[in-house]
């Protein structure tokens, strides 16, 4: 709500950091509670439905902003958004969906040797995410001259596709298992990143961006893999620790990749393909770790 009242560079930095704190607190809690409250067969379906709901909500909010921006100032829009979120938060104060018989969670960070594969996959998933977030849209705009309208249309299309596909991804995890689902993701990403690097086709790269966005949702299988082998009391601290590992590449890759981009824009995407290959290899060990 305060973003519109701080229309300076320093103000935007402050509100962005504040928003980031809130988002990461929420997302860690969201993942932790989902894995605690749902069985190993229910969790992937719930994650898929949540992603689907987020996608359709993004479209709805985008449509609202498209219309109200013509007669409301940015300050007013941010203020109304803040009031709306605050009201939702106030309502939830009176809700208590918790179960009293759930296993107690450890109150401090834990790192166990038996979770090593979860840590590795989470780290590389974060690295892949940063290349996608930092450089894919930049490629579309910088090299292929995608307009704001075109990028916005891709945003809407991606969310529309994910609204329908995300629940199916959750069901696929139950049907085929985490190893096969993640193998499909990383095997496809090897190709997608190479197309980013070497294709001269504006349409083909746009299609890769859509596929990239779809495969981004496959990461839920990493969390459900952890659920199958984790001690019940380790879920909350492990989700927090996993989030830390997932975001560790965010400190390095955008800057490092940006420097490499200056020399040759293909390098970050070749690096992304190599990271996907490494992840593909590690994914093949999932079934072995689950049965230990």
Protein backbone atom coordinates (compact mmCIF):
# COMPACT_ATOMS: atom_id res chain seq x y z
CA UNK A 1 0.00 0.00 0.00
CA UNK A 2 2.88 2.41 0.69
CA UNK A 3 4.60 1.82 -2.68
CA UNK A 4 2.64 4.56 -4.41
CA UNK A 5 3.63 7.03 -1.70
CA UNK A 6 7.36 6.40 -2.20
CA UNK A 7 7.90 7.25 -5.90
CA UNK A 8 11.69 7.41 -5.67
CA UNK A 9 14.45 4.94 -6.41
CA UNK A 10 15.18 4.54 -2.71
CA UNK A 11 11.48 4.14 -1.98
CA UNK A 12 11.05 1.42 -4.58
CA UNK A 13 14.11 -0.41 -3.24
CA UNK A 14 12.67 -0.25 0.29
CA UNK A 15 9.19 -1.50 -0.66
CA UNK A 16 10.64 -4.20 -2.92
CA UNK A 17 12.80 -5.54 -0.10
CA UNK A 18 9.82 -5.39 2.26
CA UNK A 19 7.68 -7.28 -0.26
CA UNK A 20 10.46 -9.83 -0.71
CA UNK A 21 10.56 -10.51 3.03
CA UNK A 22 6.82 -11.10 3.05
CA UNK A 23 6.82 -13.30 -0.03
CA UNK A 24 9.62 -15.55 1.17
CA UNK A 25 8.03 -15.88 4.60
CA UNK A 26 4.72 -16.84 2.98
CA UNK A 27 6.16 -19.23 0.40
CA UNK A 28 8.26 -21.12 2.94
CA UNK A 29 5.23 -21.48 5.20
CA UNK A 30 3.05 -22.51 2.26
CA UNK A 31 5.40 -25.30 1.19
CA UNK A 32 5.95 -26.49 4.74
CA UNK A 33 2.26 -26.69 5.67
CA UNK A 34 1.32 -28.38 2.40
CA UNK A 35 3.85 -31.15 3.00
CA UNK A 36 2.81 -31.51 6.65
CA UNK A 37 -0.95 -31.56 6.18
CA UNK A 38 -1.30 -33.69 3.05
CA UNK A 39 -0.21 -37.23 2.25
CA UNK A 40 2.44 -38.09 -0.32
CA UNK A 41 -0.28 -38.72 -2.91
CA UNK A 42 -2.27 -35.57 -2.05
CA UNK A 43 0.62 -33.09 -1.84
CA UNK A 44 1.56 -32.98 -5.56
CA UNK A 45 -2.09 -32.50 -6.51
CA UNK A 46 -2.47 -29.68 -3.98
CA UNK A 47 0.72 -27.99 -5.20
CA UNK A 48 -0.58 -28.24 -8.76
CA UNK A 49 -3.95 -26.74 -7.84
CA UNK A 50 -2.26 -23.89 -5.96
CA UNK A 51 -0.13 -23.07 -9.01
CA UNK A 52 -3.26 -23.19 -11.15
CA UNK A 53 -5.07 -20.81 -8.81
CA UNK A 54 -2.09 -18.44 -8.78
CA UNK A 55 -2.06 -18.41 -12.59
CA UNK A 56 -5.74 -17.53 -13.02
CA UNK A 57 -5.47 -14.93 -10.24
CA UNK A 58 -2.56 -13.28 -12.08
CA UNK A 59 -4.70 -13.03 -15.20
CA UNK A 60 -7.61 -11.59 -13.25
CA UNK A 61 -5.47 -8.98 -11.51
CA UNK A 62 -3.83 -8.11 -14.82
CA UNK A 63 -7.24 -7.48 -16.40
CA UNK A 64 -8.32 -5.30 -13.47
CA UNK A 65 -5.13 -3.23 -13.69
CA UNK A 66 -5.54 -2.90 -17.48
CA UNK A 67 -8.87 -1.14 -16.98
CA UNK A 68 -8.34 0.85 -13.76
CA UNK A 69 -4.99 2.29 -14.80
CA UNK A 70 -6.86 4.58 -17.19
CA UNK A 71 -8.69 6.46 -14.44
CA UNK A 72 -6.78 5.75 -11.21
CA UNK A 73 -3.30 6.93 -10.27
CA UNK A 74 -0.54 4.48 -9.36
CA UNK A 75 -0.73 5.77 -5.80
CA UNK A 76 -4.43 4.91 -5.59
CA UNK A 77 -3.97 1.49 -7.19
CA UNK A 78 -1.22 0.52 -4.75
CA UNK A 79 -3.26 1.87 -1.83
CA UNK A 80 -6.34 -0.17 -2.76
CA UNK A 81 -4.19 -3.26 -3.28
CA UNK A 82 -2.62 -2.79 0.15
CA UNK A 83 -6.00 -2.33 1.83
CA UNK A 84 -7.36 -5.44 0.10
CA UNK A 85 -4.44 -7.60 1.24
CA UNK A 86 -4.64 -6.17 4.77
CA UNK A 87 -8.34 -7.07 4.94
CA UNK A 88 -7.59 -10.62 3.85
CA UNK A 89 -4.89 -10.85 6.50
CA UNK A 90 -7.27 -9.52 9.14
CA UNK A 91 -9.91 -12.11 8.22
CA UNK A 92 -7.42 -14.97 8.54
CA UNK A 93 -6.68 -13.94 12.14
CA UNK A 94 -10.02 -15.47 13.08
CA UNK A 95 -9.33 -18.73 11.25
CA UNK A 96 -7.50 -21.66 12.81
CA UNK A 97 -7.22 -24.57 10.38
CA UNK A 98 -4.32 -26.16 12.27
CA UNK A 99 -4.41 -29.68 13.59
CA UNK A 100 -3.26 -30.23 17.15
CA UNK A 101 -1.99 -33.76 16.56
CA UNK A 102 0.63 -32.87 13.93
CA UNK A 103 4.26 -33.88 14.60
CA UNK A 104 6.19 -31.08 16.31
CA UNK A 105 8.64 -29.29 14.02
CA UNK A 106 12.25 -28.55 14.89
CA UNK A 107 12.71 -24.89 15.80
CA UNK A 108 16.20 -24.54 14.36
CA UNK A 109 17.80 -25.11 10.98
CA UNK A 110 18.85 -28.69 10.33
CA UNK A 111 21.06 -30.26 7.71
CA UNK A 112 21.13 -34.03 7.40
CA UNK A 113 23.33 -36.16 5.21
CA UNK A 114 20.38 -38.25 4.02
CA UNK A 115 18.81 -35.14 2.44
CA UNK A 116 21.85 -34.39 0.30
CA UNK A 117 20.07 -35.01 -3.02
CA UNK A 118 17.23 -32.67 -2.08
CA UNK A 119 19.79 -29.96 -1.31
CA UNK A 120 21.60 -30.49 -4.62
CA UNK A 121 18.43 -30.50 -6.73
CA UNK A 122 17.11 -27.43 -4.92
CA UNK A 123 20.35 -25.52 -5.52
CA UNK A 124 20.43 -26.29 -9.24
CA UNK A 125 16.71 -25.56 -9.56
CA UNK A 126 17.45 -22.11 -8.17
CA UNK A 127 20.27 -21.63 -10.67
CA UNK A 128 17.99 -22.62 -13.55
CA UNK A 129 15.32 -20.27 -12.23
CA UNK A 130 17.67 -17.29 -12.19
CA UNK A 131 18.74 -17.84 -15.79
CA UNK A 132 15.09 -18.03 -16.81
CA UNK A 133 14.03 -14.95 -14.84
CA UNK A 134 17.04 -12.77 -15.57
CA UNK A 135 17.82 -13.55 -19.19
CA UNK A 136 14.94 -15.15 -21.10
CA UNK A 137 12.74 -12.03 -21.33
CA UNK A 138 15.85 -9.90 -21.82
CA UNK A 139 16.69 -12.07 -24.84
CA UNK A 140 13.20 -11.66 -26.28
CA UNK A 141 13.37 -7.88 -25.96
CA UNK A 142 17.04 -7.22 -26.70
CA UNK A 143 17.69 -9.61 -29.57
CA UNK A 144 14.25 -10.26 -31.04
CA UNK A 145 12.66 -6.84 -30.41
CA UNK A 146 9.59 -8.13 -28.59
CA UNK A 147 7.34 -5.21 -27.67
CA UNK A 148 5.75 -4.59 -24.28
CA UNK A 149 2.44 -5.70 -25.78
CA UNK A 150 3.90 -8.97 -27.04
CA UNK A 151 5.62 -9.76 -23.75
CA UNK A 152 2.38 -8.97 -21.91
CA UNK A 153 0.48 -11.29 -24.25
CA UNK A 154 3.01 -14.05 -23.51
CA UNK A 155 2.51 -13.41 -19.80
CA UNK A 156 -1.25 -13.88 -20.13
CA UNK A 157 -0.85 -16.93 -22.38
CA UNK A 158 1.62 -18.55 -19.97
CA UNK A 159 -0.74 -18.11 -17.05
CA UNK A 160 -3.71 -19.37 -19.05
CA UNK A 161 -1.80 -22.50 -20.06
CA UNK A 162 -0.56 -23.05 -16.51
CA UNK A 163 -4.11 -22.73 -15.18
CA UNK A 164 -5.01 -25.89 -17.09
CA UNK A 165 -1.69 -27.74 -17.00
CA UNK A 166 -0.51 -27.27 -13.39
CA UNK A 167 -3.10 -29.68 -11.86
CA UNK A 168 -2.09 -32.27 -14.47
CA UNK A 169 1.55 -31.93 -13.43
CA UNK A 170 0.59 -32.84 -9.88
CA UNK A 171 -1.32 -35.87 -11.13
CA UNK A 172 1.64 -36.86 -13.32
CA UNK A 173 3.90 -36.95 -10.26
CA UNK A 174 1.57 -39.50 -8.68
CA UNK A 175 1.29 -41.55 -11.85
CA UNK A 176 4.87 -41.55 -13.10
CA UNK A 177 6.94 -40.57 -10.07
CA UNK A 178 9.28 -37.68 -9.37
CA UNK A 179 12.23 -39.13 -11.27
CA UNK A 180 10.40 -39.37 -14.59
CA UNK A 181 8.69 -35.99 -14.22
CA UNK A 182 11.93 -34.19 -13.37
CA UNK A 183 13.80 -36.10 -16.09
CA UNK A 184 11.30 -34.71 -18.59
CA UNK A 185 11.81 -31.22 -17.22
CA UNK A 186 15.60 -31.18 -17.29
CA UNK A 187 15.88 -33.14 -20.52
CA UNK A 188 13.64 -30.54 -22.16
CA UNK A 189 15.50 -27.63 -20.58
CA UNK A 190 18.78 -28.80 -22.09
CA UNK A 191 17.20 -28.30 -25.51
CA UNK A 192 15.29 -25.12 -24.60
CA UNK A 193 18.40 -23.29 -23.38
CA UNK A 194 20.35 -24.33 -26.47
CA UNK A 195 17.55 -22.99 -28.66
CA UNK A 196 17.71 -19.73 -26.71
CA UNK A 197 21.42 -19.60 -27.46
CA UNK A 198 21.49 -20.49 -31.14
CA UNK A 199 18.07 -19.92 -32.70
CA UNK A 200 17.48 -16.96 -34.99
CA UNK A 201 13.72 -17.56 -35.12
CA UNK A 202 11.59 -15.07 -33.22
CA UNK A 203 8.62 -17.45 -33.17
CA UNK A 204 10.65 -20.49 -32.08
CA UNK A 205 12.24 -18.61 -29.19
CA UNK A 206 8.80 -17.41 -28.11
CA UNK A 207 7.58 -21.01 -28.06
CA UNK A 208 10.62 -21.98 -25.98
CA UNK A 209 9.75 -19.23 -23.51
CA UNK A 210 6.25 -20.68 -23.10
CA UNK A 211 7.63 -24.22 -22.63
CA UNK A 212 10.23 -22.89 -20.21
CA UNK A 213 7.46 -21.33 -18.15
CA UNK A 214 5.50 -24.61 -18.12
CA UNK A 215 8.48 -26.70 -17.02
CA UNK A 216 9.14 -24.20 -14.24
CA UNK A 217 6.12 -25.74 -12.46
CA UNK A 218 7.68 -29.21 -12.49
CA UNK A 219 9.85 -28.15 -9.54
CA UNK A 220 7.04 -29.19 -7.20
CA UNK A 221 8.32 -32.75 -7.68
CA UNK A 222 11.51 -31.84 -5.79
CA UNK A 223 9.45 -30.98 -2.72
CA UNK A 224 7.27 -34.09 -2.94
CA UNK A 225 10.43 -36.19 -3.33
CA UNK A 226 11.68 -34.72 -0.06
CA UNK A 227 8.35 -35.46 1.63
CA UNK A 228 8.67 -39.16 0.83
CA UNK A 229 11.98 -39.56 2.63
CA UNK A 230 11.83 -36.87 5.34
CA UNK A 231 11.29 -37.35 9.04
CA UNK A 232 7.96 -35.64 9.93
CA UNK A 233 9.63 -33.14 12.26
CA UNK A 234 12.17 -32.06 9.66
CA UNK A 235 9.76 -30.58 7.11
CA UNK A 236 9.48 -26.96 8.31
CA UNK A 237 13.21 -26.28 8.88
CA UNK A 238 14.12 -28.17 5.70
CA UNK A 239 11.74 -26.09 3.58
CA UNK A 240 13.30 -22.95 5.04
CA UNK A 241 16.79 -24.30 4.40
CA UNK A 242 15.79 -25.42 0.92
CA UNK A 243 14.52 -21.94 0.12
CA UNK A 244 17.88 -20.55 1.19
CA UNK A 245 19.74 -22.96 -1.08
CA UNK A 246 17.34 -22.27 -3.95
CA UNK A 247 18.03 -18.55 -3.69
CA UNK A 248 21.78 -18.77 -3.17
CA UNK A 249 22.39 -18.65 -6.96
CA UNK A 250 20.27 -15.47 -7.06
CA UNK A 251 23.13 -13.62 -5.39
CA UNK A 252 25.69 -14.70 -7.99
CA UNK A 253 24.16 -15.75 -11.30
CA UNK A 254 22.43 -12.54 -12.45
CA UNK A 255 25.61 -10.50 -11.98
CA UNK A 256 27.95 -13.19 -13.29
CA UNK A 257 25.62 -14.00 -16.19
CA UNK A 258 25.27 -10.31 -16.99
CA UNK A 259 29.04 -9.98 -17.30
CA UNK A 260 29.15 -13.03 -19.57
CA UNK A 261 26.27 -11.59 -21.63
CA UNK A 262 28.43 -8.56 -22.45
CA UNK A 263 30.97 -10.86 -24.09
CA UNK A 264 28.42 -13.14 -25.76
CA UNK A 265 24.71 -13.43 -24.99
CA UNK A 266 24.83 -17.17 -25.76
CA UNK A 267 27.05 -18.00 -22.78
CA UNK A 268 24.40 -17.72 -20.00
CA UNK A 269 22.07 -20.02 -21.93
CA UNK A 270 24.80 -22.57 -22.67
CA UNK A 271 25.55 -22.45 -18.95
CA UNK A 272 21.84 -23.05 -18.28
CA UNK A 273 21.88 -26.07 -20.56
CA UNK A 274 24.93 -27.45 -18.73
CA UNK A 275 23.25 -26.94 -15.35
CA UNK A 276 20.16 -28.75 -16.65
CA UNK A 277 22.34 -31.66 -17.75
CA UNK A 278 23.87 -31.88 -14.28
CA UNK A 279 20.40 -31.83 -12.72
CA UNK A 280 19.25 -34.53 -15.14
CA UNK A 281 22.06 -36.79 -13.95
CA UNK A 282 21.28 -36.24 -10.26
CA UNK A 283 17.56 -36.79 -10.82
CA UNK A 284 18.26 -40.39 -11.81
CA UNK A 285 19.23 -41.07 -8.18
CA UNK A 286 15.82 -40.12 -6.76
CA UNK A 287 14.30 -43.60 -6.60
CA UNK A 288 17.38 -44.96 -4.84
CA UNK A 289 17.25 -42.25 -2.17
CA UNK A 290 13.52 -42.69 -1.52
CA UNK A 291 13.81 -46.41 -0.76
CA UNK A 292 16.74 -46.03 1.67
